[in-house]
Amino acid sequence: MNILVTGGTGMVGSQVVRELLARGEQVQVLTRDSTKAATLPAGVKAVTGDLSKVETVNRVFKGVDGVFLINTVSPTEVYEGLLSACAIREAKVKRVVYVSVQHADGAPWLPHFGGKLGVEQALLKSGVPSTILRPNNFYQNDYWFKDVLLQHGIYPQPLGDVGLHRVDVRDIAEAAAVALTTSGHEGQTYDIVGPEAHTGESTAQAWSRGLGRPVAYGGNDLEAWEKQSLQYMPDWAVYDFKHMYAFFQAKGLKASPETIERQTRLLGHVPRSFGAFVSETAAQWR
C-alpha cells in the first residue's frame, strides 16, 4: 500500500512511519517544513504542504491508498481535520486512521476534545473505510519536562489525584499500522491506553525511582500552572490545557479492563507500561 502519514516528523507520526516501513509498506510523509525531508528514513517520500490550505488537501491525498491523519493542537485543528476529511472522500482513499482522544464525547466542551468529535463523524460518514484511535495522555509528553525533572526534581504536569491510563505513543503507532494494513477495523473506534492508571503523585514517584533521586509532584494548583505556562505558551493553548487538566483532576481519564483486553488483542501484546518507559528514558538521559 501507498500510505500518506500526516505529522510524519512528529512524536506519533514518526513512530507510525517506522511501523509501516517494518511492514514493507510504501510511505509518504506530509510536512510543513521541507528541510525536514533530510531527517526521514531511507525510502520515505517527503511531501510538503499545510492541511489548512485548500491547495494542499486537493493535492496530497490523490493516488494514495491509505492515510494516517493526525491534527496537532492549534486554533485551526478542527478546520484542518474537516478539510482533510472532505478531500480524502473526494480522492476515494481506501483506508483512513484518525487520531482522536479517549473519552472525547465525555467532555465535548473542551476544545481539544470536542473538536475531535466532528472530524470523527465526518470520516465515519464519508464512505471512506475509517478507523478512529482514541489515545490517552502520552507518556512521551514527559520529554517536555526533562529540564525541570533533572534540574529541579519537580514533575510539573498537573494530572491530579484521580488517575489517567496514560499511553506509550509506540502503542498508538502499532494500532495505526495494524488498522491501515489489515482488514476488519473499518468503522471501529479503539481507545489506546496504558495498563495502569497514574496520578500526578504516582507519576512523580515513578520518575524518582527511574532517576534515582527525589522528584516531587508540582501539585494541582491550576492558577499557578496557568501563570507559569503563559510565559512560554500561547494563551489559547494554556486555556485549552488548563480546562483539560481541570477535567482530569475532577474525573480522571481511565480505561476499563475490557478496553485494555481489546487493545491487547489488537496489538498482540499487553500495553507498554509507564514504569518501563521511565526506566528506558531515564537511562537515555543519564
Protein backbone atom coordinates (compact mmCIF):
# COMPACT_ATOMS: atom_id res chain seq x y z
CA MET A 1 0.00 0.00 0.00
CA ASN A 2 0.98 3.59 -0.61
CA ILE A 3 0.26 5.37 2.69
CA LEU A 4 0.45 9.08 3.50
CA VAL A 5 1.36 9.89 7.10
CA THR A 6 0.41 13.39 8.18
CA GLY A 7 2.51 14.74 11.03
CA GLY A 8 5.09 12.18 9.99
CA THR A 9 8.01 14.04 11.57
CA GLY A 10 6.19 14.47 14.89
CA MET A 11 6.03 12.43 18.07
CA VAL A 12 3.32 10.00 16.94
CA GLY A 13 3.64 10.18 13.17
CA SER A 14 7.34 9.33 13.14
CA GLN A 15 6.57 6.13 15.03
CA VAL A 16 3.78 5.30 12.57
CA VAL A 17 6.31 5.69 9.74
CA ARG A 18 8.63 3.17 11.43
CA GLU A 19 5.81 0.68 11.94
CA LEU A 20 4.66 0.92 8.33
CA LEU A 21 8.18 0.55 6.97
CA ALA A 22 8.67 -2.53 9.14
CA ARG A 23 5.61 -4.00 7.43
CA GLY A 24 7.02 -3.31 3.98
CA GLU A 25 4.61 -0.52 3.06
CA GLN A 26 5.36 2.42 0.76
CA VAL A 27 5.28 5.60 2.88
CA GLN A 28 4.91 9.30 2.18
CA VAL A 29 5.21 11.92 4.91
CA LEU A 30 3.40 15.25 4.84
CA THR A 31 5.39 18.05 6.47
CA ARG A 32 5.07 21.83 6.52
CA ASP A 33 8.85 22.18 6.61
CA SER A 34 10.69 20.94 3.51
CA THR A 35 14.02 20.94 5.38
CA LYS A 36 12.78 18.01 7.48
CA ALA A 37 12.91 15.73 4.43
CA ALA A 38 16.56 15.05 5.19
CA THR A 39 15.63 13.54 8.57
CA LEU A 40 13.23 10.94 7.16
CA PRO A 41 14.16 7.25 6.96
CA ALA A 42 15.50 5.93 3.68
CA GLY A 43 12.80 5.20 1.14
CA VAL A 44 10.25 7.62 2.60
CA LYS A 45 8.98 10.33 0.27
CA ALA A 46 8.56 13.83 1.71
CA VAL A 47 5.51 15.82 0.63
CA THR A 48 5.42 19.49 1.60
CA GLY A 49 2.09 21.06 2.47
CA ASP A 50 -0.24 22.57 5.06
CA LEU A 51 -3.57 20.91 5.85
CA SER A 52 -5.18 24.30 6.43
CA LYS A 53 -4.63 25.12 2.75
CA VAL A 54 -7.04 24.03 0.02
CA GLU A 55 -4.17 23.68 -2.44
CA THR A 56 -2.56 21.11 -0.14
CA VAL A 57 -5.61 18.92 0.50
CA ASN A 58 -6.53 18.97 -3.19
CA ARG A 59 -3.08 17.59 -3.98
CA VAL A 60 -1.67 15.33 -1.27
CA PHE A 61 -4.42 12.69 -0.95
CA LYS A 62 -4.59 11.85 -4.66
CA GLY A 63 -3.14 8.48 -5.58
CA VAL A 64 -2.64 7.18 -2.04
CA ASP A 65 -4.26 4.02 -0.70
CA GLY A 66 -4.26 4.92 2.99
CA VAL A 67 -3.94 7.98 5.23
CA PHE A 68 -2.83 8.36 8.80
CA LEU A 69 -4.49 11.60 9.88
CA ILE A 70 -3.40 13.49 12.97
CA ASN A 71 -4.01 17.19 13.56
CA THR A 72 -1.82 19.00 16.07
CA VAL A 73 -3.39 21.16 18.77
CA SER A 74 -3.94 24.56 17.18
CA PRO A 75 -6.68 27.14 16.62
CA THR A 76 -7.23 25.59 13.15
CA GLU A 77 -7.23 21.94 14.30
CA VAL A 78 -10.92 21.30 13.54
CA TYR A 79 -10.82 23.08 10.19
CA GLU A 80 -7.76 21.11 9.10
CA GLY A 81 -9.45 17.85 10.09
CA LEU A 82 -12.69 18.58 8.26
CA LEU A 83 -10.93 19.95 5.18
CA SER A 84 -8.87 16.76 5.09
CA ALA A 85 -11.92 14.52 5.56
CA CYS A 86 -13.66 16.17 2.63
CA ALA A 87 -10.60 15.88 0.38
CA ILE A 88 -9.94 12.28 1.44
CA ARG A 89 -13.51 11.40 0.45
CA GLU A 90 -13.14 13.13 -2.90
CA ALA A 91 -9.83 11.35 -3.57
CA LYS A 92 -11.50 7.97 -2.85
CA VAL A 93 -8.80 6.89 -0.40
CA LYS A 94 -9.24 3.23 0.51
CA ARG A 95 -8.47 3.39 4.25
CA VAL A 96 -8.01 6.09 6.92
CA VAL A 97 -6.87 6.06 10.54
CA TYR A 98 -7.67 9.20 12.55
CA VAL A 99 -6.20 10.09 15.93
CA SER A 100 -8.79 11.47 18.34
CA VAL A 101 -8.68 11.43 22.16
CA GLN A 102 -10.02 9.00 24.75
CA HIS A 103 -13.50 9.87 26.06
CA ALA A 104 -13.73 12.86 23.71
CA ASP A 105 -17.51 12.69 24.00
CA GLY A 106 -17.26 12.80 27.81
CA ALA A 107 -16.09 16.42 27.81
CA PRO A 108 -17.08 17.94 24.46
CA TRP A 109 -16.82 21.50 25.82
CA LEU A 110 -13.03 21.12 25.89
CA PRO A 111 -11.65 22.47 22.60
CA HIS A 112 -9.15 19.61 22.22
CA PHE A 113 -11.86 17.01 22.94
CA GLY A 114 -14.94 18.45 21.30
CA GLY A 115 -13.11 19.36 18.13
CA LYS A 116 -12.27 15.71 17.55
CA LEU A 117 -15.91 14.61 17.52
CA GLY A 118 -16.86 16.42 14.33
CA VAL A 119 -13.87 15.03 12.47
CA GLU A 120 -14.62 11.52 13.74
CA GLN A 121 -18.18 11.73 12.41
CA ALA A 122 -17.08 13.31 9.14
CA LEU A 123 -14.78 10.38 8.44
CA LEU A 124 -17.13 7.66 9.66
CA LYS A 125 -19.95 9.01 7.46
CA SER A 126 -17.74 9.87 4.49
CA GLY A 127 -17.95 6.45 2.87
CA VAL A 128 -14.20 6.01 3.29
CA PRO A 129 -13.33 2.94 5.42
CA SER A 130 -12.16 4.66 8.60
CA THR A 131 -10.78 3.66 11.99
CA ILE A 132 -10.74 6.01 14.97
CA LEU A 133 -7.98 5.76 17.57
CA ARG A 134 -8.71 7.47 20.89
CA PRO A 135 -5.46 7.58 22.89
CA ASN A 136 -4.95 8.77 26.44
CA ASN A 137 -2.31 11.32 27.50
CA PHE A 138 1.07 10.33 26.04
CA TYR A 139 3.99 9.09 28.18
CA GLN A 140 6.27 10.90 25.74
CA ASN A 141 4.75 14.25 26.71
CA ASP A 142 7.13 13.97 29.66
CA TYR A 143 10.05 14.68 27.33
CA TRP A 144 8.96 18.31 27.62
CA PHE A 145 9.73 18.19 31.35
CA LYS A 146 13.29 16.88 31.10
CA ASP A 147 14.95 20.06 32.35
CA VAL A 148 12.63 20.62 35.30
CA LEU A 149 12.88 16.96 36.29
CA LEU A 150 16.67 16.85 36.12
CA GLN A 151 17.46 20.34 37.37
CA HIS A 152 14.75 20.90 39.95
CA GLY A 153 13.36 17.47 40.85
CA ILE A 154 9.78 18.53 40.06
CA TYR A 155 7.13 16.82 37.95
CA PRO A 156 5.01 19.76 36.73
CA GLN A 157 2.11 18.29 34.71
CA PRO A 158 -0.98 18.84 36.93
CA LEU A 159 -2.59 15.45 36.33
CA GLY A 160 -4.46 15.38 39.63
CA ASP A 161 -5.28 12.63 42.09
CA VAL A 162 -7.90 10.52 40.26
CA GLY A 163 -5.67 8.90 37.63
CA LEU A 164 -5.13 8.50 33.89
CA HIS A 165 -4.32 5.38 31.89
CA ARG A 166 -1.55 7.20 30.02
CA VAL A 167 -0.17 5.55 26.89
CA ASP A 168 3.08 4.99 25.02
CA VAL A 169 2.99 6.53 21.54
CA ARG A 170 4.57 3.35 20.19
CA ASP A 171 1.34 1.52 21.04
CA ILE A 172 -0.63 4.19 19.18
CA ALA A 173 1.64 3.75 16.17
CA GLU A 174 1.28 -0.03 16.22
CA ALA A 175 -2.50 0.27 16.39
CA ALA A 176 -2.46 2.66 13.44
CA ALA A 177 -0.26 0.35 11.37
CA VAL A 178 -2.47 -2.66 12.15
CA ALA A 179 -5.63 -0.77 11.18
CA LEU A 180 -4.08 0.56 7.97
CA THR A 181 -2.63 -2.72 6.75
CA THR A 182 -5.14 -5.37 7.86
CA SER A 183 -8.88 -5.71 7.38
CA GLY A 184 -11.65 -5.84 9.95
CA HIS A 185 -11.09 -2.45 11.57
CA GLU A 186 -13.26 -0.31 9.32
CA GLY A 187 -15.84 1.65 11.29
CA GLN A 188 -14.20 0.72 14.60
CA THR A 189 -13.17 3.06 17.41
CA TYR A 190 -10.37 1.93 19.70
CA ASP A 191 -9.28 3.50 22.97
CA ILE A 192 -5.47 3.25 23.18
CA VAL A 193 -4.25 3.28 26.77
CA GLY A 194 -1.64 2.11 29.22
CA PRO A 195 -2.02 -0.88 31.56
CA GLU A 196 -2.45 1.12 34.78
CA ALA A 197 -3.75 4.48 35.94
CA HIS A 198 -1.28 7.07 37.20
CA THR A 199 -1.89 10.21 39.26
CA GLY A 200 0.37 13.23 39.41
CA GLU A 201 1.88 11.88 42.60
CA SER A 202 2.47 8.34 41.32
CA THR A 203 4.00 9.80 38.15
CA ALA A 204 6.47 11.80 40.23
CA GLN A 205 7.28 8.67 42.25
CA ALA A 206 7.94 6.71 39.06
CA TRP A 207 10.37 9.38 37.89
CA SER A 208 12.03 9.41 41.31
CA ARG A 209 12.65 5.66 41.05
CA GLY A 210 13.82 5.90 37.46
CA LEU A 211 16.20 8.80 38.04
CA GLY A 212 17.40 7.59 41.41
CA ARG A 213 16.74 10.96 43.05
CA PRO A 214 13.79 12.66 44.75
CA VAL A 215 11.14 14.01 42.42
CA ALA A 216 8.17 15.90 43.89
CA TYR A 217 4.78 16.41 42.27
CA GLY A 218 4.21 20.08 41.40
CA GLY A 219 0.63 19.94 42.64
CA ASN A 220 -2.88 20.65 41.40
CA ASP A 221 -2.93 24.47 41.55
CA LEU A 222 -4.10 25.35 38.06
CA GLU A 223 -3.96 29.09 38.63
CA ALA A 224 -0.26 28.82 39.40
CA TRP A 225 0.22 26.48 36.45
CA GLU A 226 -1.55 28.97 34.15
CA LYS A 227 0.59 31.89 35.32
CA GLN A 228 3.79 29.93 34.74
CA SER A 229 2.72 28.46 31.40
CA LEU A 230 1.74 31.81 29.89
CA GLN A 231 5.43 32.73 29.98
CA TYR A 232 6.21 30.26 27.18
CA MET A 233 2.89 29.04 25.67
CA PRO A 234 0.25 30.92 23.64
CA ASP A 235 -2.86 31.89 25.57
CA TRP A 236 -5.18 29.68 23.50
CA ALA A 237 -3.10 26.60 24.36
CA VAL A 238 -2.93 27.47 28.05
CA TYR A 239 -6.70 28.00 28.12
CA ASP A 240 -7.35 24.64 26.46
CA PHE A 241 -4.88 22.68 28.58
CA LYS A 242 -5.94 24.33 31.84
CA HIS A 243 -9.53 23.24 31.33
CA MET A 244 -8.39 19.78 30.20
CA TYR A 245 -6.33 19.37 33.38
CA ALA A 246 -9.31 20.55 35.44
CA PHE A 247 -11.31 17.72 33.87
CA PHE A 248 -8.53 15.23 34.62
CA GLN A 249 -8.40 16.41 38.23
CA ALA A 250 -12.17 16.07 38.64
CA LYS A 251 -12.88 12.91 36.63
CA GLY A 252 -9.57 11.33 35.62
CA LEU A 253 -9.16 9.59 32.27
CA LYS A 254 -9.31 5.89 32.98
CA ALA A 255 -9.81 2.73 30.97
CA SER A 256 -11.80 -0.38 31.78
CA PRO A 257 -10.28 -3.88 31.90
CA GLU A 258 -12.34 -4.67 28.79
CA THR A 259 -10.71 -1.76 26.93
CA ILE A 260 -7.23 -2.96 27.85
CA GLU A 261 -8.10 -6.53 26.80
CA ARG A 262 -9.44 -5.31 23.45
CA GLN A 263 -6.29 -3.31 22.83
CA THR A 264 -4.14 -6.28 23.77
CA ARG A 265 -5.92 -8.37 21.13
CA LEU A 266 -5.46 -5.62 18.55
CA LEU A 267 -1.71 -5.26 19.15
CA GLY A 268 -0.90 -8.84 20.08
CA HIS A 269 0.79 -7.74 23.32
CA VAL A 270 -0.11 -6.02 26.58
CA PRO A 271 0.17 -2.22 26.62
CA ARG A 272 3.62 -0.84 27.38
CA SER A 273 3.90 0.29 31.00
CA PHE A 274 4.79 3.76 32.24
CA GLY A 275 7.43 2.28 34.51
CA ALA A 276 9.19 0.69 31.56
CA PHE A 277 9.05 3.99 29.64
CA VAL A 278 10.54 5.87 32.59
CA SER A 279 13.35 3.34 33.04
CA GLU A 280 14.21 3.50 29.34
CA THR A 281 14.07 7.31 29.22
CA ALA A 282 16.00 7.85 32.45
CA ALA A 283 18.78 5.62 31.14
CA GLN A 284 18.96 7.70 27.97
CA TRP A 285 19.02 10.96 29.93
CA ARG A 286 21.84 9.70 32.13
